[in-house]
Amino acid sequence: MPGGASAAFFDLDRTLMSGSSGYFWARAAAGAGLMSRRQLASDAYENVLFRLRGSTDEGTRKVSQRVGDMLTGKRVVDFARLGPQVLAGVLPRLYPQMLAIAWDHQDAGRRVFIATAASQDTADMVAHVLGFDGAVGTGLEEVDGVYTGRLSGPMAYREGKAQAVALVAEREGIDLAQSWAYSDSESDLPMLRAVGHPVAVNPDGPLLRVAREEGWEVVRLDRLGGRLKMAGALAAAAALGAAGRRLAPMR
């Protein structure tokens, strides 16, 4: 809405936090018996890959399919009760610098939102704890308190995320041309290009090239030491995956 208020939209994984919030849902779900150790091993491996290289369309599709299969027929309340354990994993991995940027936007009178492909419930929970003004996430369909395994609308990924942000802007009277967006991934180019002030945070290679070409601000928070540790963790996650496959027939 031209002439409206400005806002700031923050991607969650690898932007507000190191790694993937989805992994901590998977770990909590496995601990509660809602998913198998084999599934957890797969998510651990994907989380390490994500931290090293960022998101890919194929990886996102696979995760979405796996989550849908895992949720089908499960009670919504059982996953809602995992919230404290999920937060225990997510909160220590938030970047203090990014929180400071977000809160500076609020102090300047701008509304601050999380915009993530993660579930709407996850986005709402983290936004509430951080004192943000709202969140955009991917809705999960439920019937009579049970997940169907389907989405309740478009996935908040690529154009879907940009569309969801545009809907929030229209509803809240926000002028996107006067607003900010922060992301690590080339997949968020539709959202970044929808605002007047795009910022690349820990950008993957394709996003970094675009940011340099178009003169966008770039913020780097990851350190080489952390990436070397993650390379070691990749080998450990691969070993865990092999163990999960060996143990699977014993479930």
Protein backbone atom coordinates (compact mmCIF):
# COMPACT_ATOMS: atom_id res chain seq x y z
CA MET A 1 0.00 0.00 0.00
CA PRO A 2 1.86 3.12 -1.21
CA GLY A 3 2.11 5.71 1.53
CA GLY A 4 1.45 3.14 4.27
CA ALA A 5 3.61 2.14 7.19
CA SER A 6 6.92 0.36 6.69
CA ALA A 7 7.85 -3.05 8.09
CA ALA A 8 10.67 -5.59 8.19
CA PHE A 9 10.35 -9.26 7.21
CA PHE A 10 12.91 -11.80 8.43
CA ASP A 11 13.44 -15.29 7.10
CA LEU A 12 13.99 -17.70 10.01
CA ASP A 13 16.40 -20.52 9.11
CA ARG A 14 20.00 -19.38 8.45
CA THR A 15 18.87 -15.77 8.75
CA LEU A 16 17.51 -15.19 12.24
CA MET A 17 19.07 -18.45 13.45
CA SER A 18 21.88 -20.83 12.58
CA GLY A 19 20.58 -24.01 10.97
CA SER A 20 17.03 -25.26 10.57
CA SER A 21 14.18 -24.92 13.05
CA GLY A 22 12.58 -28.00 11.49
CA TYR A 23 15.31 -30.25 12.85
CA PHE A 24 14.36 -29.36 16.43
CA TRP A 25 10.74 -30.27 15.74
CA ALA A 26 11.96 -33.59 14.36
CA ARG A 27 14.18 -34.23 17.39
CA ALA A 28 11.36 -33.43 19.81
CA ALA A 29 8.90 -35.55 17.81
CA ALA A 30 11.29 -38.50 17.85
CA GLY A 31 11.72 -38.15 21.60
CA ALA A 32 7.94 -38.25 22.02
CA GLY A 33 7.59 -41.31 19.80
CA LEU A 34 5.87 -39.39 17.02
CA MET A 35 8.51 -40.25 14.42
CA SER A 36 11.17 -42.92 14.03
CA ARG A 37 14.90 -42.73 14.71
CA ARG A 38 15.43 -43.39 11.01
CA GLN A 39 13.39 -40.29 10.14
CA LEU A 40 15.34 -38.27 12.70
CA ALA A 41 18.63 -39.43 11.21
CA SER A 42 17.49 -38.26 7.79
CA ASP A 43 16.49 -34.86 9.20
CA ALA A 44 19.82 -34.54 11.02
CA TYR A 45 21.66 -35.14 7.76
CA GLU A 46 19.50 -32.65 5.86
CA ASN A 47 19.99 -30.06 8.63
CA VAL A 48 23.77 -30.25 8.31
CA LEU A 49 23.56 -29.95 4.51
CA PHE A 50 21.23 -26.97 4.92
CA ARG A 51 23.65 -25.22 7.28
CA LEU A 52 26.53 -25.79 4.88
CA ARG A 53 24.91 -24.89 1.56
CA GLY A 54 21.47 -23.38 2.21
CA SER A 55 18.13 -24.40 0.74
CA THR A 56 17.46 -26.00 -2.62
CA ASP A 57 14.14 -26.50 -4.38
CA GLU A 58 14.59 -30.27 -4.42
CA GLY A 59 15.61 -30.41 -0.78
CA THR A 60 12.64 -28.28 0.22
CA ARG A 61 10.26 -30.49 -1.77
CA LYS A 62 11.62 -33.64 -0.13
CA VAL A 63 11.34 -32.18 3.36
CA SER A 64 7.79 -31.00 2.69
CA GLN A 65 6.79 -34.46 1.46
CA ARG A 66 8.45 -36.19 4.39
CA VAL A 67 6.81 -33.88 6.92
CA GLY A 68 3.41 -34.40 5.31
CA ASP A 69 3.80 -38.18 5.45
CA MET A 70 4.92 -38.04 9.07
CA LEU A 71 2.06 -35.77 10.18
CA THR A 72 -0.77 -37.67 8.50
CA GLY A 73 -3.22 -38.92 11.10
CA LYS A 74 -1.34 -37.38 14.05
CA ARG A 75 -3.09 -35.22 16.66
CA VAL A 76 -2.37 -31.50 16.44
CA VAL A 77 -2.24 -31.20 20.23
CA ASP A 78 0.61 -33.72 20.46
CA PHE A 79 2.81 -31.53 18.29
CA ALA A 80 1.71 -28.33 20.02
CA ARG A 81 3.01 -29.82 23.27
CA LEU A 82 6.48 -30.10 21.75
CA GLY A 83 6.78 -26.31 21.68
CA PRO A 84 8.99 -25.91 24.80
CA GLN A 85 11.47 -28.52 23.55
CA VAL A 86 11.59 -26.92 20.12
CA LEU A 87 12.26 -23.50 21.62
CA ALA A 88 15.01 -24.98 23.78
CA GLY A 89 16.80 -25.92 20.55
CA VAL A 90 15.97 -22.83 18.51
CA LEU A 91 16.56 -19.99 20.98
CA PRO A 92 20.28 -20.65 21.65
CA ARG A 93 20.88 -20.62 17.88
CA LEU A 94 19.39 -17.19 17.24
CA TYR A 95 21.87 -14.58 16.04
CA PRO A 96 22.01 -11.75 18.63
CA GLN A 97 23.01 -9.34 15.86
CA MET A 98 19.86 -10.13 13.88
CA LEU A 99 17.65 -9.74 16.94
CA ALA A 100 19.22 -6.35 17.54
CA ILE A 101 18.47 -5.34 13.95
CA ALA A 102 14.87 -6.53 14.27
CA TRP A 103 14.30 -4.70 17.53
CA ASP A 104 15.93 -1.55 16.11
CA HIS A 105 13.28 -1.66 13.37
CA GLN A 106 10.57 -1.86 16.02
CA ASP A 107 12.10 1.03 17.96
CA ALA A 108 12.00 3.04 14.73
CA GLY A 109 8.26 2.41 14.52
CA ARG A 110 8.25 -0.43 12.00
CA ARG A 111 6.37 -3.69 12.46
CA VAL A 112 8.53 -6.81 12.38
CA PHE A 113 7.48 -10.19 10.98
CA ILE A 114 9.03 -13.62 10.55
CA ALA A 115 8.55 -14.93 6.99
CA THR A 116 9.46 -18.60 6.70
CA ALA A 117 8.67 -21.80 4.83
CA ALA A 118 8.42 -23.49 8.25
CA SER A 119 4.97 -24.19 9.63
CA GLN A 120 2.72 -21.30 10.63
CA ASP A 121 2.65 -22.69 14.17
CA THR A 122 6.44 -22.57 14.39
CA ALA A 123 6.56 -19.07 12.94
CA ASP A 124 3.88 -17.81 15.34
CA MET A 125 5.56 -19.40 18.36
CA VAL A 126 9.01 -17.95 17.66
CA ALA A 127 7.60 -14.53 16.74
CA HIS A 128 5.61 -14.42 19.99
CA VAL A 129 8.64 -15.29 22.14
CA LEU A 130 10.80 -12.70 20.39
CA GLY A 131 8.20 -9.96 20.76
CA PHE A 132 7.74 -9.59 17.00
CA ASP A 133 4.50 -8.29 15.53
CA GLY A 134 3.50 -11.35 13.55
CA ALA A 135 4.61 -14.16 11.28
CA VAL A 136 4.12 -15.67 7.85
CA GLY A 137 4.54 -19.46 7.58
CA THR A 138 3.18 -22.54 5.83
CA GLY A 139 -0.25 -23.65 7.00
CA LEU A 140 -0.88 -27.33 7.74
CA GLU A 141 -4.36 -28.70 7.11
CA GLU A 142 -6.16 -30.28 10.04
CA VAL A 143 -9.57 -31.87 10.39
CA ASP A 144 -11.14 -32.55 13.79
CA GLY A 145 -7.82 -31.91 15.53
CA VAL A 146 -5.85 -34.29 13.30
CA TYR A 147 -3.34 -33.43 10.59
CA THR A 148 -4.26 -34.58 7.09
CA GLY A 149 -0.70 -34.39 5.77
CA ARG A 150 -1.71 -31.68 3.29
CA LEU A 151 -1.07 -27.94 3.29
CA SER A 152 -3.93 -25.57 4.05
CA GLY A 153 -2.72 -23.15 1.39
CA PRO A 154 0.33 -22.33 -0.74
CA MET A 155 3.70 -23.16 0.76
CA ALA A 156 5.53 -20.05 1.97
CA TYR A 157 8.45 -20.68 -0.37
CA ARG A 158 9.70 -18.71 -3.37
CA GLU A 159 6.72 -16.91 -4.94
CA GLY A 160 4.46 -18.38 -2.27
CA LYS A 161 6.34 -16.54 0.47
CA ALA A 162 6.32 -13.28 -1.49
CA GLN A 163 2.56 -13.65 -2.02
CA ALA A 164 2.01 -14.30 1.68
CA VAL A 165 4.05 -11.20 2.57
CA ALA A 166 2.04 -9.16 0.07
CA LEU A 167 -1.20 -10.31 1.70
CA VAL A 168 0.09 -9.26 5.13
CA ALA A 169 1.11 -5.90 3.70
CA GLU A 170 -2.33 -5.36 2.17
CA ARG A 171 -4.10 -6.37 5.36
CA GLU A 172 -1.90 -4.28 7.65
CA GLY A 173 -1.55 -1.21 5.44
CA ILE A 174 2.18 -1.71 4.88
CA ASP A 175 4.06 -0.06 2.03
CA LEU A 176 6.48 -2.73 0.76
CA ALA A 177 8.45 -0.14 -1.21
CA GLN A 178 9.38 1.44 2.12
CA SER A 179 10.01 -1.90 3.86
CA TRP A 180 12.92 -4.27 4.52
CA ALA A 181 13.38 -8.01 3.94
CA TYR A 182 16.21 -10.23 5.18
CA SER A 183 17.12 -13.68 3.85
CA ASP A 184 20.03 -16.04 3.21
CA SER A 185 18.68 -17.77 0.12
CA GLU A 186 18.24 -17.25 -3.60
CA SER A 187 14.84 -18.90 -3.15
CA ASP A 188 13.69 -15.73 -1.38
CA LEU A 189 14.48 -13.42 -4.29
CA PRO A 190 10.74 -12.88 -4.94
CA MET A 191 10.32 -11.54 -1.38
CA LEU A 192 13.56 -9.56 -1.47
CA ARG A 193 12.64 -7.92 -4.76
CA ALA A 194 9.18 -7.04 -3.46
CA VAL A 195 10.59 -4.60 -0.89
CA GLY A 196 12.52 -1.37 -1.18
CA HIS A 197 15.33 -2.47 1.13
CA PRO A 198 16.46 -6.09 0.53
CA VAL A 199 19.28 -7.43 2.73
CA ALA A 200 21.23 -10.64 2.11
CA VAL A 201 22.20 -12.42 5.36
CA ASN A 202 24.78 -15.23 5.22
CA PRO A 203 23.89 -15.42 1.51
CA ASP A 204 24.27 -18.55 -0.58
CA GLY A 205 26.27 -18.19 -3.78
CA PRO A 206 23.42 -17.27 -6.16
CA LEU A 207 21.98 -14.70 -3.74
CA LEU A 208 25.40 -13.16 -3.14
CA ARG A 209 25.87 -12.67 -6.89
CA VAL A 210 22.50 -10.93 -7.18
CA ALA A 211 23.18 -8.79 -4.11
CA ARG A 212 26.49 -7.61 -5.54
CA GLU A 213 24.99 -6.93 -8.96
CA GLU A 214 22.11 -4.93 -7.53
CA GLY A 215 24.00 -3.20 -4.73
CA TRP A 216 22.09 -4.75 -1.84
CA GLU A 217 23.38 -4.73 1.71
CA VAL A 218 25.10 -7.98 2.75
CA VAL A 219 25.36 -9.16 6.37
CA ARG A 220 27.69 -12.02 7.29
CA LEU A 221 27.38 -13.74 10.67
CA ASP A 222 28.73 -17.28 10.12
CA ARG A 223 32.41 -17.84 10.79
CA LEU A 224 34.83 -20.23 9.08
CA GLY A 225 35.30 -22.15 12.31
CA GLY A 226 31.58 -22.83 12.53
CA ARG A 227 31.49 -24.06 8.96
CA LEU A 228 34.44 -26.38 9.60
CA LYS A 229 32.65 -27.79 12.63
CA MET A 230 29.58 -28.36 10.47
CA ALA A 231 31.69 -30.22 7.92
CA GLY A 232 32.69 -32.58 10.72
CA ALA A 233 29.06 -32.83 11.81
CA LEU A 234 28.13 -33.84 8.27
CA ALA A 235 30.22 -36.98 8.63
CA ALA A 236 28.65 -37.68 12.03
CA ALA A 237 25.12 -37.20 10.65
CA ALA A 238 25.90 -39.56 7.79
CA ALA A 239 27.01 -42.16 10.33
CA LEU A 240 23.81 -41.60 12.31
CA GLY A 241 21.82 -42.08 9.13
CA ALA A 242 23.54 -45.40 8.49
CA ALA A 243 22.82 -46.48 12.07
CA GLY A 244 19.18 -45.44 11.65
CA ARG A 245 18.86 -47.56 8.53
CA ARG A 246 20.37 -50.56 10.31
CA LEU A 247 18.07 -50.12 13.29
CA ALA A 248 14.92 -49.51 11.26
CA PRO A 249 13.86 -53.19 10.97
CA MET A 250 14.01 -53.51 14.79
CA ARG A 251 11.29 -50.92 15.43
